[in-house]
C-alpha atoms as a PDB file:
ATOM      1  CA  MET A   1     146.484-151.246-175.777  1.00  0.00           C
ATOM      2  CA  LYS A   2     149.018-151.515-178.536  1.00  0.00           C
ATOM      3  CA  ILE A   3     152.411-150.060-177.726  1.00  0.00           C
ATOM      4  CA  LEU A   4     154.614-148.827-180.535  1.00  0.00           C
ATOM      5  CA  ARG A   5     158.352-148.958-180.046  1.00  0.00           C
ATOM      6  CA  MET A   6     160.795-147.214-182.305  1.00  0.00           C
ATOM      7  CA  LYS A   7     164.487-147.833-182.426  1.00  0.00           C
ATOM      8  CA  MET A   8     166.267-144.522-182.111  1.00  0.00           C
ATOM      9  CA  LYS A   9     169.554-143.953-183.835  1.00  0.00           C
ATOM     10  CA  LYS A  10     172.111-141.341-183.042  1.00  0.00           C
ATOM     11  CA  ILE A  11     171.905-138.358-185.342  1.00  0.00           C
ATOM     12  CA  HIS A  12     175.086-136.451-186.020  1.00  0.00           C
ATOM     13  CA  LEU A  13     174.893-132.762-185.264  1.00  0.00           C
ATOM     14  CA  ALA A  14     176.004-131.959-188.799  1.00  0.00           C
ATOM     15  CA  ASP A  15     172.962-133.743-190.236  1.00  0.00           C
ATOM     16  CA  PRO A  16     170.771-130.943-191.655  1.00  0.00           C
ATOM     17  CA  SER A  17     167.658-133.141-191.711  1.00  0.00           C
ATOM     18  CA  GLY A  18     166.197-131.243-188.741  1.00  0.00           C
ATOM     19  CA  LEU A  19     166.322-128.004-190.672  1.00  0.00           C
ATOM     20  CA  TYR A  20     164.690-129.615-193.680  1.00  0.00           C
ATOM     21  CA  VAL A  21     161.919-131.043-191.498  1.00  0.00           C
ATOM     22  CA  ALA A  22     161.424-127.512-190.215  1.00  0.00           C
ATOM     23  CA  PHE A  23     161.337-126.348-193.827  1.00  0.00           C
ATOM     24  CA  MET A  24     158.509-128.789-194.571  1.00  0.00           C
ATOM     25  CA  GLY A  25     156.661-127.305-191.618  1.00  0.00           C
ATOM     26  CA  TYR A  26     157.280-123.916-193.156  1.00  0.00           C
ATOM     27  CA  ILE A  27     155.689-125.110-196.421  1.00  0.00           C
ATOM     28  CA  ASN A  28     152.624-126.153-194.444  1.00  0.00           C
ATOM     29  CA  MET A  29     152.475-122.742-192.737  1.00  0.00           C
ATOM     30  CA  LEU A  30     152.895-121.012-196.084  1.00  0.00           C
ATOM     31  CA  ILE A  31     149.917-122.869-197.542  1.00  0.00           C
ATOM     32  CA  SER A  32     147.752-122.200-194.488  1.00  0.00           C
ATOM     33  CA  MET A  33     148.771-118.542-194.543  1.00  0.00           C
ATOM     34  CA  PHE A  34     147.505-118.113-198.106  1.00  0.00           C
ATOM     35  CA  LEU A  35     144.291-119.946-197.256  1.00  0.00           C
ATOM     36  CA  ASN A  36     143.680-117.963-194.067  1.00  0.00           C
ATOM     37  CA  SER A  37     144.799-114.739-192.439  1.00  0.00           C
ATOM     38  CA  SER A  38     147.946-114.233-190.377  1.00  0.00           C
ATOM     39  CA  HIS A  39     148.108-115.790-186.913  1.00  0.00           C
ATOM     40  CA  LEU A  40     149.326-114.414-183.593  1.00  0.00           C
ATOM     41  CA  VAL A  41     150.406-116.734-180.766  1.00  0.00           C
ATOM     42  CA  GLU A  42     151.104-115.323-177.297  1.00  0.00           C
ATOM     43  CA  VAL A  43     152.992-117.204-174.560  1.00  0.00           C
ATOM     44  CA  VAL A  44     152.956-115.770-171.017  1.00  0.00           C
ATOM     45  CA  LEU A  45     156.466-115.967-169.545  1.00  0.00           C
ATOM     46  CA  TRP A  46     155.764-114.357-166.172  1.00  0.00           C
ATOM     47  CA  GLU A  47     152.687-112.962-164.489  1.00  0.00           C
ATOM     48  CA  GLY A  48     152.341-111.195-161.177  1.00  0.00           C
ATOM     49  CA  GLY A  49     149.401-109.084-160.133  1.00  0.00           C
ATOM     50  CA  SER A  50     148.466-106.677-162.891  1.00  0.00           C
ATOM     51  CA  PHE A  51     151.834-107.001-164.646  1.00  0.00           C
ATOM     52  CA  SER A  52     152.865-109.776-167.021  1.00  0.00           C
ATOM     53  CA  ILE A  53     155.623-110.506-169.517  1.00  0.00           C
ATOM     54  CA  SER A  54     154.733-112.461-172.623  1.00  0.00           C
ATOM     55  CA  ALA A  55     156.427-113.622-175.801  1.00  0.00           C
ATOM     56  CA  SER A  56     154.330-113.165-178.913  1.00  0.00           C
ATOM     57  CA  PHE A  57     154.917-114.836-182.267  1.00  0.00           C
ATOM     58  CA  ILE A  58     153.396-113.793-185.565  1.00  0.00           C
ATOM     59  CA  PHE A  59     152.911-116.006-188.618  1.00  0.00           C
ATOM     60  CA  ASP A  60     152.302-113.939-191.725  1.00  0.00           C
ATOM     61  CA  ASP A  61     153.694-113.473-195.220  1.00  0.00           C
ATOM     62  CA  LEU A  62     156.898-111.734-194.097  1.00  0.00           C
ATOM     63  CA  SER A  63     157.863-114.110-191.289  1.00  0.00           C
ATOM     64  CA  VAL A  64     156.949-117.349-193.054  1.00  0.00           C
ATOM     65  CA  LEU A  65     158.668-116.467-196.328  1.00  0.00           C
ATOM     66  CA  PHE A  66     161.831-115.160-194.695  1.00  0.00           C
ATOM     67  CA  SER A  67     162.134-118.094-192.287  1.00  0.00           C
ATOM     68  CA  GLY A  68     161.864-120.517-195.205  1.00  0.00           C
ATOM     69  CA  VAL A  69     164.787-118.836-196.945  1.00  0.00           C
ATOM     70  CA  VAL A  70     166.823-118.890-193.720  1.00  0.00           C
ATOM     71  CA  LEU A  71     166.177-122.611-193.173  1.00  0.00           C
ATOM     72  CA  VAL A  72     167.104-123.600-196.730  1.00  0.00           C
ATOM     73  CA  ILE A  73     170.324-121.569-196.723  1.00  0.00           C
ATOM     74  CA  SER A  74     171.255-122.787-193.231  1.00  0.00           C
ATOM     75  CA  GLY A  75     170.795-126.408-194.275  1.00  0.00           C
ATOM     76  CA  SER A  76     173.047-125.812-197.284  1.00  0.00           C
ATOM     77  CA  VAL A  77     175.693-124.183-195.085  1.00  0.00           C
ATOM     78  CA  ILE A  78     175.669-127.151-192.699  1.00  0.00           C
ATOM     79  CA  ILE A  79     176.142-129.556-195.609  1.00  0.00           C
ATOM     80  CA  TYR A  80     179.076-127.448-196.815  1.00  0.00           C
ATOM     81  CA  SER A  81     180.500-127.318-193.283  1.00  0.00           C
ATOM     82  CA  LYS A  82     180.672-131.120-193.137  1.00  0.00           C
ATOM     83  CA  TRP A  83     183.268-130.956-195.908  1.00  0.00           C
ATOM     84  CA  TYR A  84     184.981-127.655-195.117  1.00  0.00           C
ATOM     85  CA  MET A  85     185.344-128.169-191.344  1.00  0.00           C
ATOM     86  CA  SER A  86     185.657-131.972-191.313  1.00  0.00           C
ATOM     87  CA  SER A  87     189.237-131.895-190.009  1.00  0.00           C
ATOM     88  CA  ASP A  88     188.471-129.401-187.245  1.00  0.00           C
ATOM     89  CA  GLN A  89     189.042-130.748-183.742  1.00  0.00           C
ATOM     90  CA  PHE A  90     185.941-129.041-182.330  1.00  0.00           C
ATOM     91  CA  PHE A  91     183.583-129.634-185.251  1.00  0.00           C
ATOM     92  CA  SER A  92     180.636-130.662-183.044  1.00  0.00           C
ATOM     93  CA  ARG A  93     180.979-127.447-181.045  1.00  0.00           C
ATOM     94  CA  PHE A  94     181.025-125.459-184.278  1.00  0.00           C
ATOM     95  CA  ILE A  95     177.840-127.090-185.589  1.00  0.00           C
ATOM     96  CA  SER A  96     176.134-126.563-182.222  1.00  0.00           C
ATOM     97  CA  LEU A  97     176.872-122.847-182.482  1.00  0.00           C
ATOM     98  CA  ILE A  98     175.461-122.814-186.024  1.00  0.00           C
ATOM     99  CA  TYR A  99     172.217-124.370-184.774  1.00  0.00           C
ATOM    100  CA  LEU A 100     171.996-121.796-181.963  1.00  0.00           C
ATOM    101  CA  PHE A 101     172.638-119.051-184.489  1.00  0.00           C
ATOM    102  CA  VAL A 102     169.859-120.254-186.795  1.00  0.00           C
ATOM    103  CA  GLY A 103     167.490-120.766-183.860  1.00  0.00           C
ATOM    104  CA  SER A 104     168.083-117.199-182.668  1.00  0.00           C
ATOM    105  CA  MET A 105     167.371-115.883-186.157  1.00  0.00           C
ATOM    106  CA  VAL A 106     164.128-117.854-186.435  1.00  0.00           C
ATOM    107  CA  MET A 107     163.106-116.562-182.997  1.00  0.00           C
ATOM    108  CA  LEU A 108     163.724-113.007-184.160  1.00  0.00           C
ATOM    109  CA  ILE A 109     161.786-113.524-187.399  1.00  0.00           C
ATOM    110  CA  TYR A 110     158.626-114.832-185.730  1.00  0.00           C
ATOM    111  CA  SER A 111     158.664-112.354-182.827  1.00  0.00           C
ATOM    112  CA  ALA A 112     155.582-110.159-182.670  1.00  0.00           C
ATOM    113  CA  ASN A 113     156.834-107.789-179.973  1.00  0.00           C
ATOM    114  CA  LEU A 114     160.128-106.337-178.837  1.00  0.00           C
ATOM    115  CA  ILE A 115     160.393-108.541-175.737  1.00  0.00           C
ATOM    116  CA  SER A 116     160.489-111.803-177.674  1.00  0.00           C
ATOM    117  CA  LEU A 117     162.540-110.116-180.390  1.00  0.00           C
ATOM    118  CA  MET A 118     165.267-109.283-177.867  1.00  0.00           C
ATOM    119  CA  LEU A 119     165.688-112.982-177.087  1.00  0.00           C
ATOM    120  CA  GLY A 120     166.576-113.708-180.693  1.00  0.00           C
ATOM    121  CA  TRP A 121     168.425-110.406-181.116  1.00  0.00           C
ATOM    122  CA  ASP A 122     170.734-111.012-178.153  1.00  0.00           C
ATOM    123  CA  GLY A 123     171.113-114.661-179.133  1.00  0.00           C
ATOM    124  CA  LEU A 124     172.452-113.552-182.512  1.00  0.00           C
ATOM    125  CA  GLY A 125     174.856-111.145-180.841  1.00  0.00           C
ATOM    126  CA  LEU A 126     176.224-113.698-178.379  1.00  0.00           C
ATOM    127  CA  VAL A 127     176.613-116.555-180.857  1.00  0.00           C
ATOM    128  CA  SER A 128     178.126-114.281-183.514  1.00  0.00           C
ATOM    129  CA  PHE A 129     180.792-113.279-180.976  1.00  0.00           C
ATOM    130  CA  LEU A 130     181.619-116.944-180.334  1.00  0.00           C
ATOM    131  CA  LEU A 131     181.742-117.713-184.060  1.00  0.00           C
ATOM    132  CA  VAL A 132     183.887-114.731-185.043  1.00  0.00           C
ATOM    133  CA  CYS A 133     186.471-115.589-182.362  1.00  0.00           C
ATOM    134  CA  TYR A 134     186.240-119.317-183.166  1.00  0.00           C
ATOM    135  CA  TYR A 135     189.887-119.617-184.254  1.00  0.00           C
ATOM    136  CA  GLN A 136     191.013-117.924-181.010  1.00  0.00           C
ATOM    137  CA  ASN A 137     193.893-115.918-182.434  1.00  0.00           C
ATOM    138  CA  SER A 138     194.586-112.251-181.779  1.00  0.00           C
ATOM    139  CA  LYS A 139     192.985-111.115-185.047  1.00  0.00           C
ATOM    140  CA  SER A 140     189.742-113.046-184.554  1.00  0.00           C
ATOM    141  CA  LEU A 141     189.468-112.072-180.878  1.00  0.00           C
ATOM    142  CA  GLY A 142     189.887-108.393-181.724  1.00  0.00           C
ATOM    143  CA  ALA A 143     187.325-108.636-184.519  1.00  0.00           C
ATOM    144  CA  ALA A 144     184.883-110.446-182.226  1.00  0.00           C
ATOM    145  CA  MET A 145     185.167-107.797-179.512  1.00  0.00           C
ATOM    146  CA  PHE A 146     184.697-105.001-182.042  1.00  0.00           C
ATOM    147  CA  THR A 147     181.658-106.765-183.523  1.00  0.00           C
ATOM    148  CA  VAL A 148     179.919-107.462-180.225  1.00  0.00           C
ATOM    149  CA  LEU A 149     180.578-103.992-178.763  1.00  0.00           C
ATOM    150  CA  THR A 150     179.176-102.282-181.858  1.00  0.00           C
ATOM    151  CA  ASN A 151     176.088-104.460-181.757  1.00  0.00           C
ATOM    152  CA  ARG A 152     175.662-103.705-178.046  1.00  0.00           C
ATOM    153  CA  LEU A 153     174.901-100.126-179.045  1.00  0.00           C
ATOM    154  CA  GLY A 154     171.939-101.377-181.039  1.00  0.00           C
ATOM    155  CA  ASP A 155     170.770-103.363-178.032  1.00  0.00           C
ATOM    156  CA  ILE A 156     170.775-100.195-175.931  1.00  0.00           C
ATOM    157  CA  PHE A 157     168.644 -98.343-178.480  1.00  0.00           C
ATOM    158  CA  ILE A 158     166.094-101.153-178.586  1.00  0.00           C
ATOM    159  CA  LEU A 159     165.971-101.499-174.793  1.00  0.00           C
ATOM    160  CA  VAL A 160     165.233 -97.788-174.451  1.00  0.00           C
ATOM    161  CA  SER A 161     162.457 -98.094-177.041  1.00  0.00           C
ATOM    162  CA  ILE A 162     161.030-101.026-175.053  1.00  0.00           C
ATOM    163  CA  GLY A 163     161.023 -98.833-171.955  1.00  0.00           C
ATOM    164  CA  LEU A 164     159.087 -96.116-173.780  1.00  0.00           C
ATOM    165  CA  LEU A 165     156.609 -98.604-175.212  1.00  0.00           C
ATOM    166  CA  SER A 166     156.047-100.138-171.783  1.00  0.00           C
ATOM    167  CA  THR A 167     154.657 -96.827-170.550  1.00  0.00           C
ATOM    168  CA  TRP A 168     151.818 -97.324-173.036  1.00  0.00           C
ATOM    169  CA  GLY A 169     151.190-100.888-171.894  1.00  0.00           C
ATOM    170  CA  ASP A 170     151.283-101.987-175.536  1.00  0.00           C
ATOM    171  CA  TRP A 171     154.135-104.164-176.724  1.00  0.00           C
ATOM    172  CA  LEU A 172     152.639-105.496-179.953  1.00  0.00           C
ATOM    173  CA  VAL A 173     154.342-102.975-182.194  1.00  0.00           C
ATOM    174  CA  TYR A 174     154.165-105.250-185.244  1.00  0.00           C
ATOM    175  CA  CYS A 175     150.472-105.982-185.209  1.00  0.00           C
ATOM    176  CA  ARG A 176     149.010-102.511-185.372  1.00  0.00           C
ATOM    177  CA  PRO A 177     150.329 -98.974-185.773  1.00  0.00           C
ATOM    178  CA  LEU A 178     150.565 -96.771-182.706  1.00  0.00           C
ATOM    179  CA  MET A 179     149.495 -93.236-183.478  1.00  0.00           C
ATOM    180  CA  GLY A 180     148.544 -90.101-181.619  1.00  0.00           C
ATOM    181  CA  ASN A 181     151.563 -89.817-179.326  1.00  0.00           C
ATOM    182  CA  ASP A 182     154.596 -87.540-179.523  1.00  0.00           C
ATOM    183  CA  ASP A 183     156.858 -90.410-178.461  1.00  0.00           C
ATOM    184  CA  VAL A 184     156.188 -92.311-181.699  1.00  0.00           C
ATOM    185  CA  SER A 185     158.906 -90.491-183.633  1.00  0.00           C
ATOM    186  CA  VAL A 186     161.398 -90.958-180.779  1.00  0.00           C
ATOM    187  CA  ILE A 187     160.688 -94.689-180.552  1.00  0.00           C
ATOM    188  CA  GLY A 188     160.901 -94.954-184.326  1.00  0.00           C
ATOM    189  CA  PHE A 189     164.276 -93.206-184.336  1.00  0.00           C
ATOM    190  CA  LEU A 190     165.628 -95.564-181.664  1.00  0.00           C
ATOM    191  CA  LEU A 191     164.467 -98.578-183.668  1.00  0.00           C
ATOM    192  CA  VAL A 192     166.077 -97.148-186.801  1.00  0.00           C
ATOM    193  CA  LEU A 193     169.378 -96.753-184.930  1.00  0.00           C
ATOM    194  CA  GLY A 194     169.089-100.302-183.583  1.00  0.00           C
ATOM    195  CA  GLY A 195     168.464-101.681-187.054  1.00  0.00           C
ATOM    196  CA  MET A 196     171.338 -99.671-188.500  1.00  0.00           C
ATOM    197  CA  THR A 197     173.845-101.147-186.048  1.00  0.00           C
ATOM    198  CA  LYS A 198     172.860-104.738-186.860  1.00  0.00           C
ATOM    199  CA  SER A 199     172.765-104.086-190.617  1.00  0.00           C
ATOM    200  CA  ALA A 200     176.072-102.193-190.483  1.00  0.00           C
ATOM    201  CA  GLN A 201     174.939 -98.816-191.786  1.00  0.00           C
ATOM    202  CA  ALA A 202     177.123 -95.743-191.317  1.00  0.00           C
ATOM    203  CA  PRO A 203     178.404 -94.819-188.798  1.00  0.00           C
ATOM    204  CA  PHE A 204     178.253 -98.438-187.558  1.00  0.00           C
ATOM    205  CA  CYS A 205     179.562-100.125-190.725  1.00  0.00           C
ATOM    206  CA  ALA A 206     183.165-100.884-189.715  1.00  0.00           C
ATOM    207  CA  TRP A 207     182.351-104.131-187.884  1.00  0.00           C
ATOM    208  CA  LEU A 208     181.057-106.020-190.938  1.00  0.00           C
ATOM    209  CA  PRO A 209     184.394-106.530-192.775  1.00  0.00           C
ATOM    210  CA  GLU A 210     186.043-107.394-189.451  1.00  0.00           C
ATOM    211  CA  ALA A 211     183.482-110.147-188.840  1.00  0.00           C
ATOM    212  CA  MET A 212     184.920-112.029-191.822  1.00  0.00           C
ATOM    213  CA  SER A 213     187.498-113.449-189.400  1.00  0.00           C
ATOM    214  CA  ALA A 214     184.920-116.160-188.707  1.00  0.00           C
ATOM    215  CA  PRO A 215     185.147-119.519-190.539  1.00  0.00           C
ATOM    216  CA  THR A 216     184.003-119.349-194.162  1.00  0.00           C
ATOM    217  CA  PRO A 217     180.686-121.237-193.602  1.00  0.00           C
ATOM    218  CA  VAL A 218     179.789-118.686-190.925  1.00  0.00           C
ATOM    219  CA  SER A 219     180.664-115.808-193.241  1.00  0.00           C
ATOM    220  CA  SER A 220     178.410-117.214-195.948  1.00  0.00           C
ATOM    221  CA  LEU A 221     175.530-117.563-193.477  1.00  0.00           C
ATOM    222  CA  VAL A 222     176.022-114.171-191.833  1.00  0.00           C
ATOM    223  CA  HIS A 223     176.268-112.301-195.124  1.00  0.00           C
ATOM    224  CA  SER A 224     173.301-113.971-196.791  1.00  0.00           C
ATOM    225  CA  SER A 225     170.214-114.296-194.635  1.00  0.00           C
ATOM    226  CA  THR A 226     170.909-113.982-190.922  1.00  0.00           C
ATOM    227  CA  LEU A 227     172.827-111.465-188.813  1.00  0.00           C
ATOM    228  CA  VAL A 228     173.201-108.528-191.201  1.00  0.00           C
ATOM    229  CA  THR A 229     169.626-108.760-192.462  1.00  0.00           C
ATOM    230  CA  ALA A 230     168.165-108.703-188.939  1.00  0.00           C
ATOM    231  CA  GLY A 231     168.370-104.916-188.744  1.00  0.00           C
ATOM    232  CA  ALA A 232     166.668-104.402-192.098  1.00  0.00           C
ATOM    233  CA  TYR A 233     163.980-106.904-191.116  1.00  0.00           C
ATOM    234  CA  LEU A 234     163.383-105.049-187.834  1.00  0.00           C
ATOM    235  CA  ILE A 235     162.874-101.714-189.589  1.00  0.00           C
ATOM    236  CA  ILE A 236     160.572-103.288-192.189  1.00  0.00           C
ATOM    237  CA  ARG A 237     158.557-104.956-189.427  1.00  0.00           C
ATOM    238  CA  CYS A 238     158.308-101.764-187.387  1.00  0.00           C
ATOM    239  CA  TYR A 239     157.707 -99.496-190.360  1.00  0.00           C
ATOM    240  CA  SER A 240     154.539 -98.106-188.768  1.00  0.00           C
ATOM    241  CA  LEU A 241     156.801 -96.653-186.060  1.00  0.00           C
ATOM    242  CA  CYS A 242     160.026 -96.055-187.983  1.00  0.00           C
ATOM    243  CA  GLY A 243     158.309 -94.484-190.967  1.00  0.00           C
ATOM    244  CA  SER A 244     156.015 -92.249-188.941  1.00  0.00           C
ATOM    245  CA  SER A 245     158.492 -89.363-189.012  1.00  0.00           C
ATOM    246  CA  PHE A 246     159.945 -87.650-192.080  1.00  0.00           C
ATOM    247  CA  ASP A 247     163.106 -86.839-190.109  1.00  0.00           C
ATOM    248  CA  ASN A 248     163.666 -90.508-189.264  1.00  0.00           C
ATOM    249  CA  MET A 249     163.397 -91.546-192.898  1.00  0.00           C
ATOM    250  CA  PHE A 250     165.571 -88.652-194.074  1.00  0.00           C
ATOM    251  CA  PHE A 251     168.264 -89.697-191.601  1.00  0.00           C
ATOM    252  CA  LEU A 252     168.044 -93.321-192.745  1.00  0.00           C
ATOM    253  CA  LYS A 253     168.175 -92.250-196.394  1.00  0.00           C
ATOM    254  CA  SER A 254     171.263 -90.106-195.809  1.00  0.00           C
ATOM    255  CA  MET A 255     173.128 -92.803-193.899  1.00  0.00           C
ATOM    256  CA  SER A 256     172.257 -95.486-196.453  1.00  0.00           C
ATOM    257  CA  LEU A 257     173.671 -93.333-199.261  1.00  0.00           C
ATOM    258  CA  VAL A 258     176.836 -92.677-197.244  1.00  0.00           C
ATOM    259  CA  THR A 259     177.166 -96.419-196.616  1.00  0.00           C
ATOM    260  CA  LEU A 260     176.692 -97.148-200.315  1.00  0.00           C
ATOM    261  CA  VAL A 261     179.548 -94.805-201.223  1.00  0.00           C
ATOM    262  CA  ILE A 262     181.817 -96.247-198.507  1.00  0.00           C
ATOM    263  CA  ALA A 263     181.108 -99.827-199.593  1.00  0.00           C
ATOM    264  CA  GLY A 264     181.660 -99.064-203.272  1.00  0.00           C
ATOM    265  CA  ALA A 265     184.902 -97.174-202.711  1.00  0.00           C
ATOM    266  CA  GLY A 266     186.186 -99.795-200.288  1.00  0.00           C
ATOM    267  CA  GLY A 267     185.424-102.628-202.678  1.00  0.00           C
ATOM    268  CA  VAL A 268     187.549-101.002-205.396  1.00  0.00           C
ATOM    269  CA  VAL A 269     190.731-100.841-203.290  1.00  0.00           C
ATOM    270  CA  GLU A 270     190.264-103.901-201.034  1.00  0.00           C
ATOM    271  CA  THR A 271     192.499-106.904-201.817  1.00  0.00           C
ATOM    272  CA  ASP A 272     191.131-109.408-199.272  1.00  0.00           C
ATOM    273  CA  PHE A 273     188.508-111.436-201.159  1.00  0.00           C
ATOM    274  CA  LYS A 274     186.359-112.121-198.084  1.00  0.00           C
ATOM    275  CA  LYS A 275     186.279-108.431-197.219  1.00  0.00           C
ATOM    276  CA  VAL A 276     185.280-107.637-200.804  1.00  0.00           C
ATOM    277  CA  VAL A 277     182.279-109.932-200.291  1.00  0.00           C
ATOM    278  CA  ALA A 278     181.515-108.123-197.020  1.00  0.00           C
ATOM    279  CA  LEU A 279     181.610-104.746-198.765  1.00  0.00           C
ATOM    280  CA  SER A 280     179.363-106.101-201.514  1.00  0.00           C
ATOM    281  CA  THR A 281     176.883-107.190-198.852  1.00  0.00           C
ATOM    282  CA  LEU A 282     177.161-103.758-197.268  1.00  0.00           C
ATOM    283  CA  SER A 283     176.209-102.071-200.530  1.00  0.00           C
ATOM    284  CA  GLN A 284     173.146-104.303-200.911  1.00  0.00           C
ATOM    285  CA  LEU A 285     172.069-103.595-197.334  1.00  0.00           C
ATOM    286  CA  SER A 286     172.305 -99.875-198.011  1.00  0.00           C
ATOM    287  CA  LEU A 287     169.999-100.327-201.023  1.00  0.00           C
ATOM    288  CA  MET A 288     167.463-102.090-198.791  1.00  0.00           C
ATOM    289  CA  MET A 289     167.627 -99.282-196.255  1.00  0.00           C
ATOM    290  CA  PHE A 290     167.273 -96.687-198.995  1.00  0.00           C
ATOM    291  CA  ALA A 291     164.149 -98.437-200.302  1.00  0.00           C
ATOM    292  CA  VAL A 292     162.641 -98.363-196.802  1.00  0.00           C
ATOM    293  CA  SER A 293     163.536 -94.699-196.361  1.00  0.00           C
ATOM    294  CA  ILE A 294     161.659 -93.629-199.506  1.00  0.00           C
ATOM    295  CA  GLY A 295     158.519 -95.499-198.478  1.00  0.00           C
ATOM    296  CA  PHE A 296     158.889 -98.913-200.118  1.00  0.00           C
ATOM    297  CA  PRO A 297     159.428-101.449-197.295  1.00  0.00           C
ATOM    298  CA  HIS A 298     158.026-104.331-199.350  1.00  0.00           C
ATOM    299  CA  ILE A 299     160.491-103.592-202.161  1.00  0.00           C
ATOM    300  CA  ALA A 300     163.251-103.678-199.548  1.00  0.00           C
ATOM    301  CA  PHE A 301     161.971-107.043-198.305  1.00  0.00           C
ATOM    302  CA  PHE A 302     161.858-108.345-201.879  1.00  0.00           C
ATOM    303  CA  HIS A 303     165.506-107.375-202.356  1.00  0.00           C
ATOM    304  CA  LEU A 304     166.362-108.909-198.971  1.00  0.00           C
ATOM    305  CA  ILE A 305     164.994-112.262-200.161  1.00  0.00           C
ATOM    306  CA  ASN A 306     166.750-111.934-203.526  1.00  0.00           C
ATOM    307  CA  HIS A 307     170.091-111.094-201.932  1.00  0.00           C
ATOM    308  CA  ALA A 308     169.820-114.001-199.499  1.00  0.00           C
ATOM    309  CA  SER A 309     169.071-116.373-202.378  1.00  0.00           C
ATOM    310  CA  PHE A 310     172.025-115.497-204.586  1.00  0.00           C
END
């Protein structure tokens, strides 16, 4: 038997080659997706008696396209970080947090049910807290606490919706619509609230400018394709639940318009350049939410990809 030996070399954490290898895998998935239908993979995490907990992952046009954008932008941010943060004493720790942040986002994107989604969702919340307070001064610590506490509200809404869905014994909310139950509108409203907190829609919009206390590479990643878009992506994914009630969509429409006005007015008077960028992002997020609220989730997703790209 012939044994192959390869000499391994140490790879620096700031080397984005891993993300680009993942991007090539994404290209392969994209091709296979167009040649075949979407795929669902289920992994059983725990099983006891008649009860089991599983993590499900879905590979379709939304998840594959969005993950590709996230990987490309994340690789670019890591390359930029090598120059911008090169003199930082804890640079390796910073890059490790970036990788955890991207991994949590990819986990969220491919999740096919709310159990596996919560792993990525909470991962984003925890790592974003560590990144916002990275400089460990009073301003960044205050901003980090405000950010994580606001996002905890969204976690509560989603956990309650998981509890309601568990009574049906059906967790695959992405794969097929759930109709014929009075709880659908309640679950949809909870998911809308959860998405609004993560995407900083009124009345949860104050945390987004504060999160700019993070290092500039983190700000560019957060405000392009990761943390703030997670809420919009959740609502688009769960549109069969969120859009099942006129009241839910009317509420989302109203709050998105309020957010748009707040972001526009704030951008006119704000003098901090990074906060101006945050308010610009806020206005674009409100446009995505408005598109979802009037019944065009795919238009919202199209704008999400466009905004992440520029």
